[in-house]
C-alpha atoms as a PDB file:
ATOM      1  CA  MET A   1       8.589   1.139 153.315  1.00  0.00           C
ATOM      2  CA  ARG A   2      10.702   0.686 156.871  1.00  0.00           C
ATOM      3  CA  SER A   3      12.781   4.719 157.201  1.00  0.00           C
ATOM      4  CA  THR A   4      16.235   4.792 157.779  1.00  0.00           C
ATOM      5  CA  LYS A   5      16.068   8.518 158.943  1.00  0.00           C
ATOM      6  CA  GLY A   6      15.851   7.629 162.527  1.00  0.00           C
ATOM      7  CA  HIS A   7      18.796   5.021 162.160  1.00  0.00           C
ATOM      8  CA  PHE A   8      21.149   7.796 160.563  1.00  0.00           C
ATOM      9  CA  ARG A   9      20.447   9.668 163.852  1.00  0.00           C
ATOM     10  CA  ILE A  10      20.821   7.201 166.373  1.00  0.00           C
ATOM     11  CA  GLY A  11      24.188   6.179 164.663  1.00  0.00           C
ATOM     12  CA  ALA A  12      25.849   9.529 164.036  1.00  0.00           C
ATOM     13  CA  ARG A  13      24.689  10.642 167.884  1.00  0.00           C
ATOM     14  CA  ARG A  14      26.624   7.190 168.781  1.00  0.00           C
ATOM     15  CA  SER A  15      29.417   8.376 166.612  1.00  0.00           C
ATOM     16  CA  GLY A  16      30.169  11.524 168.119  1.00  0.00           C
ATOM     17  CA  TRP A  17      28.514  13.673 165.659  1.00  0.00           C
ATOM     18  CA  PRO A  18      25.247  15.316 166.828  1.00  0.00           C
ATOM     19  CA  GLY A  19      23.081  14.911 164.079  1.00  0.00           C
ATOM     20  CA  ARG A  20      23.299  18.895 162.641  1.00  0.00           C
ATOM     21  CA  PRO A  21      22.579  19.545 158.761  1.00  0.00           C
ATOM     22  CA  LEU A  22      26.035  19.397 156.945  1.00  0.00           C
ATOM     23  CA  LEU A  23      27.212  23.275 156.457  1.00  0.00           C
ATOM     24  CA  PRO A  24      26.384  25.206 153.571  1.00  0.00           C
ATOM     25  CA  GLY A  25      28.720  24.039 150.486  1.00  0.00           C
ATOM     26  CA  LEU A  26      30.263  21.699 152.447  1.00  0.00           C
ATOM     27  CA  GLY A  27      28.235  18.941 150.069  1.00  0.00           C
ATOM     28  CA  ALA A  28      29.604  21.071 147.035  1.00  0.00           C
ATOM     29  CA  ALA A  29      33.515  20.581 148.068  1.00  0.00           C
ATOM     30  CA  ILE A  30      32.670  16.820 149.153  1.00  0.00           C
ATOM     31  CA  ALA A  31      31.555  16.457 145.480  1.00  0.00           C
ATOM     32  CA  MET A  32      34.147  18.372 143.572  1.00  0.00           C
ATOM     33  CA  LEU A  33      36.574  15.950 145.718  1.00  0.00           C
ATOM     34  CA  ALA A  34      35.239  13.128 144.486  1.00  0.00           C
ATOM     35  CA  TRP A  35      34.982  14.581 140.933  1.00  0.00           C
ATOM     36  CA  GLY A  36      38.680  15.316 141.425  1.00  0.00           C
ATOM     37  CA  CYS A  37      39.388  11.728 142.303  1.00  0.00           C
ATOM     38  CA  ALA A  38      37.668  10.024 139.533  1.00  0.00           C
ATOM     39  CA  ASP A  39      39.699   8.074 137.365  1.00  0.00           C
ATOM     40  CA  ALA A  40      40.597   9.859 134.026  1.00  0.00           C
ATOM     41  CA  SER A  41      40.486   6.497 131.899  1.00  0.00           C
ATOM     42  CA  SER A  42      36.576   6.885 131.881  1.00  0.00           C
ATOM     43  CA  ALA A  43      37.371  10.249 129.939  1.00  0.00           C
ATOM     44  CA  PRO A  44      36.642  10.646 126.206  1.00  0.00           C
ATOM     45  CA  PRO A  45      40.208  10.718 124.850  1.00  0.00           C
ATOM     46  CA  GLY A  46      40.345  14.422 123.987  1.00  0.00           C
ATOM     47  CA  ASP A  47      39.191  15.557 127.518  1.00  0.00           C
ATOM     48  CA  ARG A  48      41.806  13.364 129.771  1.00  0.00           C
ATOM     49  CA  SER A  49      43.820  15.620 131.311  1.00  0.00           C
ATOM     50  CA  PRO A  50      45.713  15.521 135.258  1.00  0.00           C
ATOM     51  CA  VAL A  51      43.282  17.610 137.375  1.00  0.00           C
ATOM     52  CA  GLY A  52      44.945  21.067 137.970  1.00  0.00           C
ATOM     53  CA  ARG A  53      46.999  20.981 134.898  1.00  0.00           C
ATOM     54  CA  GLY A  54      44.316  21.494 132.300  1.00  0.00           C
ATOM     55  CA  PRO A  55      42.023  24.799 131.463  1.00  0.00           C
ATOM     56  CA  LEU A  56      39.545  25.740 133.807  1.00  0.00           C
ATOM     57  CA  ALA A  57      36.987  25.268 131.210  1.00  0.00           C
ATOM     58  CA  PRO A  58      36.925  23.357 127.678  1.00  0.00           C
ATOM     59  CA  SER A  59      39.024  24.678 125.453  1.00  0.00           C
ATOM     60  CA  THR A  60      38.111  25.188 121.577  1.00  0.00           C
ATOM     61  CA  THR A  61      40.875  25.435 119.863  1.00  0.00           C
ATOM     62  CA  SER A  62      43.658  22.277 119.992  1.00  0.00           C
ATOM     63  CA  TRP A  63      47.426  23.577 119.980  1.00  0.00           C
ATOM     64  CA  GLY A  64      49.950  22.408 118.554  1.00  0.00           C
ATOM     65  CA  PRO A  65      52.662  19.803 120.692  1.00  0.00           C
ATOM     66  CA  GLU A  66      54.161  21.756 123.252  1.00  0.00           C
ATOM     67  CA  THR A  67      57.720  21.890 121.958  1.00  0.00           C
ATOM     68  CA  PRO A  68      59.702  24.612 120.950  1.00  0.00           C
ATOM     69  CA  HIS A  69      59.782  24.500 117.264  1.00  0.00           C
ATOM     70  CA  PHE A  70      55.572  24.439 116.729  1.00  0.00           C
ATOM     71  CA  ASN A  71      54.965  27.630 119.205  1.00  0.00           C
ATOM     72  CA  LEU A  72      57.464  30.198 119.528  1.00  0.00           C
ATOM     73  CA  GLU A  73      57.639  32.673 121.987  1.00  0.00           C
ATOM     74  CA  VAL A  74      59.232  35.551 119.746  1.00  0.00           C
ATOM     75  CA  ILE A  75      61.060  38.796 121.475  1.00  0.00           C
ATOM     76  CA  LEU A  76      61.642  41.762 119.546  1.00  0.00           C
ATOM     77  CA  ARG A  77      63.950  44.926 120.881  1.00  0.00           C
ATOM     78  CA  ASN A  78      65.899  48.405 120.125  1.00  0.00           C
ATOM     79  CA  ASP A  79      68.452  50.059 121.664  1.00  0.00           C
ATOM     80  CA  ASP A  80      66.523  52.676 122.899  1.00  0.00           C
ATOM     81  CA  GLY A  81      64.340  50.313 125.138  1.00  0.00           C
ATOM     82  CA  GLY A  82      61.189  49.766 122.737  1.00  0.00           C
ATOM     83  CA  PHE A  83      59.898  46.297 123.294  1.00  0.00           C
ATOM     84  CA  GLY A  84      57.659  43.785 121.071  1.00  0.00           C
ATOM     85  CA  HIS A  85      56.399  40.131 121.743  1.00  0.00           C
ATOM     86  CA  VAL A  86      54.731  37.921 119.117  1.00  0.00           C
ATOM     87  CA  LYS A  87      52.948  35.155 120.453  1.00  0.00           C
ATOM     88  CA  PHE A  88      53.531  32.655 117.652  1.00  0.00           C
ATOM     89  CA  ARG A  89      50.726  29.528 117.599  1.00  0.00           C
ATOM     90  CA  GLN A  90      49.525  26.911 115.068  1.00  0.00           C
ATOM     91  CA  PRO A  91      46.405  25.068 115.791  1.00  0.00           C
ATOM     92  CA  ASN A  92      46.710  21.311 116.088  1.00  0.00           C
ATOM     93  CA  ASP A  93      44.179  20.853 112.932  1.00  0.00           C
ATOM     94  CA  ALA A  94      44.509  20.473 108.680  1.00  0.00           C
ATOM     95  CA  GLN A  95      44.198  24.018 108.183  1.00  0.00           C
ATOM     96  CA  ARG A  96      48.067  24.718 108.954  1.00  0.00           C
ATOM     97  CA  ILE A  97      47.293  28.571 110.427  1.00  0.00           C
ATOM     98  CA  VAL A  98      49.324  30.141 112.226  1.00  0.00           C
ATOM     99  CA  HIS A  99      48.347  33.019 114.902  1.00  0.00           C
ATOM    100  CA  LEU A 100      50.793  35.819 115.413  1.00  0.00           C
ATOM    101  CA  ASP A 101      49.431  38.100 118.498  1.00  0.00           C
ATOM    102  CA  VAL A 102      51.423  41.024 118.239  1.00  0.00           C
ATOM    103  CA  TRP A 103      52.069  43.461 121.308  1.00  0.00           C
ATOM    104  CA  VAL A 104      54.372  46.239 121.120  1.00  0.00           C
ATOM    105  CA  ARG A 105      55.268  49.040 123.257  1.00  0.00           C
ATOM    106  CA  ASP A 106      57.971  52.166 123.960  1.00  0.00           C
ATOM    107  CA  LEU A 107      57.629  52.900 120.444  1.00  0.00           C
ATOM    108  CA  GLU A 108      56.934  56.251 118.441  1.00  0.00           C
ATOM    109  CA  PRO A 109      52.769  57.204 119.372  1.00  0.00           C
ATOM    110  CA  ASN A 110      49.995  57.344 116.994  1.00  0.00           C
ATOM    111  CA  THR A 111      52.278  55.785 114.158  1.00  0.00           C
ATOM    112  CA  ASN A 112      51.763  52.640 111.894  1.00  0.00           C
ATOM    113  CA  TYR A 113      54.382  49.840 112.295  1.00  0.00           C
ATOM    114  CA  GLN A 114      54.467  46.495 110.692  1.00  0.00           C
ATOM    115  CA  LEU A 115      55.466  42.526 111.252  1.00  0.00           C
ATOM    116  CA  GLN A 116      58.096  41.423 108.778  1.00  0.00           C
ATOM    117  CA  ARG A 117      59.678  38.083 108.946  1.00  0.00           C
ATOM    118  CA  ALA A 118      62.627  36.262 106.967  1.00  0.00           C
ATOM    119  CA  THR A 119      63.481  32.668 106.763  1.00  0.00           C
ATOM    120  CA  ASP A 120      66.307  30.506 105.420  1.00  0.00           C
ATOM    121  CA  ALA A 121      66.512  26.501 105.102  1.00  0.00           C
ATOM    122  CA  ASN A 122      69.616  26.102 106.298  1.00  0.00           C
ATOM    123  CA  VAL A 123      68.600  25.391 109.766  1.00  0.00           C
ATOM    124  CA  ASN A 124      71.188  26.159 112.442  1.00  0.00           C
ATOM    125  CA  ASP A 125      70.104  29.250 114.672  1.00  0.00           C
ATOM    126  CA  ASP A 126      71.636  31.590 112.533  1.00  0.00           C
ATOM    127  CA  CYS A 127      69.183  33.473 110.795  1.00  0.00           C
ATOM    128  CA  THR A 128      70.945  34.761 106.952  1.00  0.00           C
ATOM    129  CA  GLY A 129      67.684  35.344 105.226  1.00  0.00           C
ATOM    130  CA  THR A 130      66.742  38.099 103.612  1.00  0.00           C
ATOM    131  CA  ASN A 131      63.265  37.437 102.352  1.00  0.00           C
ATOM    132  CA  TRP A 132      61.482  39.834 104.128  1.00  0.00           C
ATOM    133  CA  LEU A 133      57.554  39.397 104.165  1.00  0.00           C
ATOM    134  CA  THR A 134      54.967  42.003 105.915  1.00  0.00           C
ATOM    135  CA  LEU A 135      52.395  39.820 107.597  1.00  0.00           C
ATOM    136  CA  GLY A 136      49.132  40.399 108.104  1.00  0.00           C
ATOM    137  CA  ARG A 137      45.511  38.872 107.820  1.00  0.00           C
ATOM    138  CA  GLY A 138      46.273  36.075 105.149  1.00  0.00           C
ATOM    139  CA  THR A 139      47.741  37.753 102.417  1.00  0.00           C
ATOM    140  CA  THR A 140      46.217  41.067 103.593  1.00  0.00           C
ATOM    141  CA  PRO A 141      49.229  43.469 105.171  1.00  0.00           C
ATOM    142  CA  VAL A 142      48.191  44.545 108.615  1.00  0.00           C
ATOM    143  CA  ALA A 143      49.569  47.696 110.146  1.00  0.00           C
ATOM    144  CA  ILE A 144      50.130  47.617 114.371  1.00  0.00           C
ATOM    145  CA  VAL A 145      48.896  51.455 115.406  1.00  0.00           C
ATOM    146  CA  THR A 146      50.051  52.806 118.190  1.00  0.00           C
ATOM    147  CA  ASP A 147      48.108  54.815 120.784  1.00  0.00           C
ATOM    148  CA  ASP A 148      49.335  58.232 122.498  1.00  0.00           C
ATOM    149  CA  ASP A 149      52.035  55.888 124.968  1.00  0.00           C
ATOM    150  CA  GLY A 150      53.419  53.950 121.963  1.00  0.00           C
ATOM    151  CA  THR A 151      51.914  50.903 122.596  1.00  0.00           C
ATOM    152  CA  GLY A 152      50.119  48.692 120.006  1.00  0.00           C
ATOM    153  CA  ARG A 153      48.367  45.267 119.108  1.00  0.00           C
ATOM    154  CA  ALA A 154      47.553  43.084 116.062  1.00  0.00           C
ATOM    155  CA  GLU A 155      46.017  39.985 115.565  1.00  0.00           C
ATOM    156  CA  LEU A 156      47.599  38.685 112.388  1.00  0.00           C
ATOM    157  CA  PHE A 157      47.656  35.009 110.929  1.00  0.00           C
ATOM    158  CA  ARG A 158      49.540  32.942 108.070  1.00  0.00           C
ATOM    159  CA  ASP A 159      48.395  30.861 106.208  1.00  0.00           C
ATOM    160  CA  LEU A 160      50.907  27.546 105.771  1.00  0.00           C
ATOM    161  CA  GLY A 161      48.910  25.042 103.825  1.00  0.00           C
ATOM    162  CA  ALA A 162      51.452  25.261 100.568  1.00  0.00           C
ATOM    163  CA  THR A 163      54.586  24.566 103.321  1.00  0.00           C
ATOM    164  CA  PRO A 164      54.604  20.730 103.886  1.00  0.00           C
ATOM    165  CA  VAL A 165      53.861  19.459 106.837  1.00  0.00           C
ATOM    166  CA  GLY A 166      57.595  18.824 108.691  1.00  0.00           C
ATOM    167  CA  THR A 167      59.146  21.661 107.006  1.00  0.00           C
ATOM    168  CA  THR A 168      61.850  23.452 109.282  1.00  0.00           C
ATOM    169  CA  PHE A 169      63.383  26.380 109.229  1.00  0.00           C
ATOM    170  CA  ASP A 170      64.963  29.607 110.637  1.00  0.00           C
ATOM    171  CA  ILE A 171      63.025  32.245 110.732  1.00  0.00           C
ATOM    172  CA  HIS A 172      63.741  36.008 112.469  1.00  0.00           C
ATOM    173  CA  PHE A 173      61.268  38.867 112.798  1.00  0.00           C
ATOM    174  CA  ARG A 174      61.387  43.116 113.061  1.00  0.00           C
ATOM    175  CA  VAL A 175      58.835  45.478 113.354  1.00  0.00           C
ATOM    176  CA  VAL A 176      59.596  48.080 110.637  1.00  0.00           C
ATOM    177  CA  ARG A 177      57.652  51.525 110.383  1.00  0.00           C
ATOM    178  CA  ALA A 178      55.199  50.961 107.483  1.00  0.00           C
ATOM    179  CA  GLY A 179      55.895  51.893 104.152  1.00  0.00           C
ATOM    180  CA  THR A 180      59.328  52.274 104.852  1.00  0.00           C
ATOM    181  CA  THR A 181      62.493  49.425 105.481  1.00  0.00           C
ATOM    182  CA  ALA A 182      63.107  51.622 108.120  1.00  0.00           C
ATOM    183  CA  VAL A 183      63.434  48.557 111.241  1.00  0.00           C
ATOM    184  CA  VAL A 184      62.632  49.979 114.847  1.00  0.00           C
ATOM    185  CA  LEU A 185      62.177  46.581 116.401  1.00  0.00           C
ATOM    186  CA  ASP A 186      64.388  43.238 115.687  1.00  0.00           C
ATOM    187  CA  SER A 187      64.126  39.426 117.239  1.00  0.00           C
ATOM    188  CA  GLU A 188      67.111  36.671 117.610  1.00  0.00           C
ATOM    189  CA  CYS A 189      66.937  33.761 115.546  1.00  0.00           C
ATOM    190  CA  TYR A 190      64.150  31.175 115.993  1.00  0.00           C
ATOM    191  CA  GLN A 191      63.505  27.805 114.558  1.00  0.00           C
ATOM    192  CA  PHE A 192      60.036  26.501 113.205  1.00  0.00           C
ATOM    193  CA  THR A 193      58.714  23.402 112.393  1.00  0.00           C
ATOM    194  CA  VAL A 194      55.481  23.213 110.481  1.00  0.00           C
ATOM    195  CA  ASP A 195      53.101  20.747 111.983  1.00  0.00           C
ATOM    196  CA  GLN A 196      49.196  19.618 111.580  1.00  0.00           C
END
């Protein structure tokens, strides 16, 4: 078998390239660029995403449509500078579980609080519902416990399996001191649609 190594070096010298080995990492960079330019249509249907827009690693959770009615960023406030945030997410699966990642700050230190929600079916961005439900993990209420600085976190969830897919309602939230109805934070009105 005839070697092409000598021919490559001769051709490289003629083109002005000195024939030295590639810099370390340059080969890997070229391979990554080629991968980034690959045709996405060859990827499985669930893996098609434009380069630079998807996560760096494959996600094991498939979230619902990126529309405000499906996944909410709920902000809660009070007049004293207290603040809360609820990341309200429903994975795109058959279980219809809503995850509520709660974070509060500037509340009373070392205190137990609870997240509550009220809904109404008259969808008009005017939350008039008073059917306050204390949220937790499933049907078990869970406290948001603040630390010495008045900051607290909780990972909660709610099963919406009994609610028909496509149901839309107005929803608002509040944080109360545990065991009382003393409201320390409340939100504006949001709309939510049950997805699957």
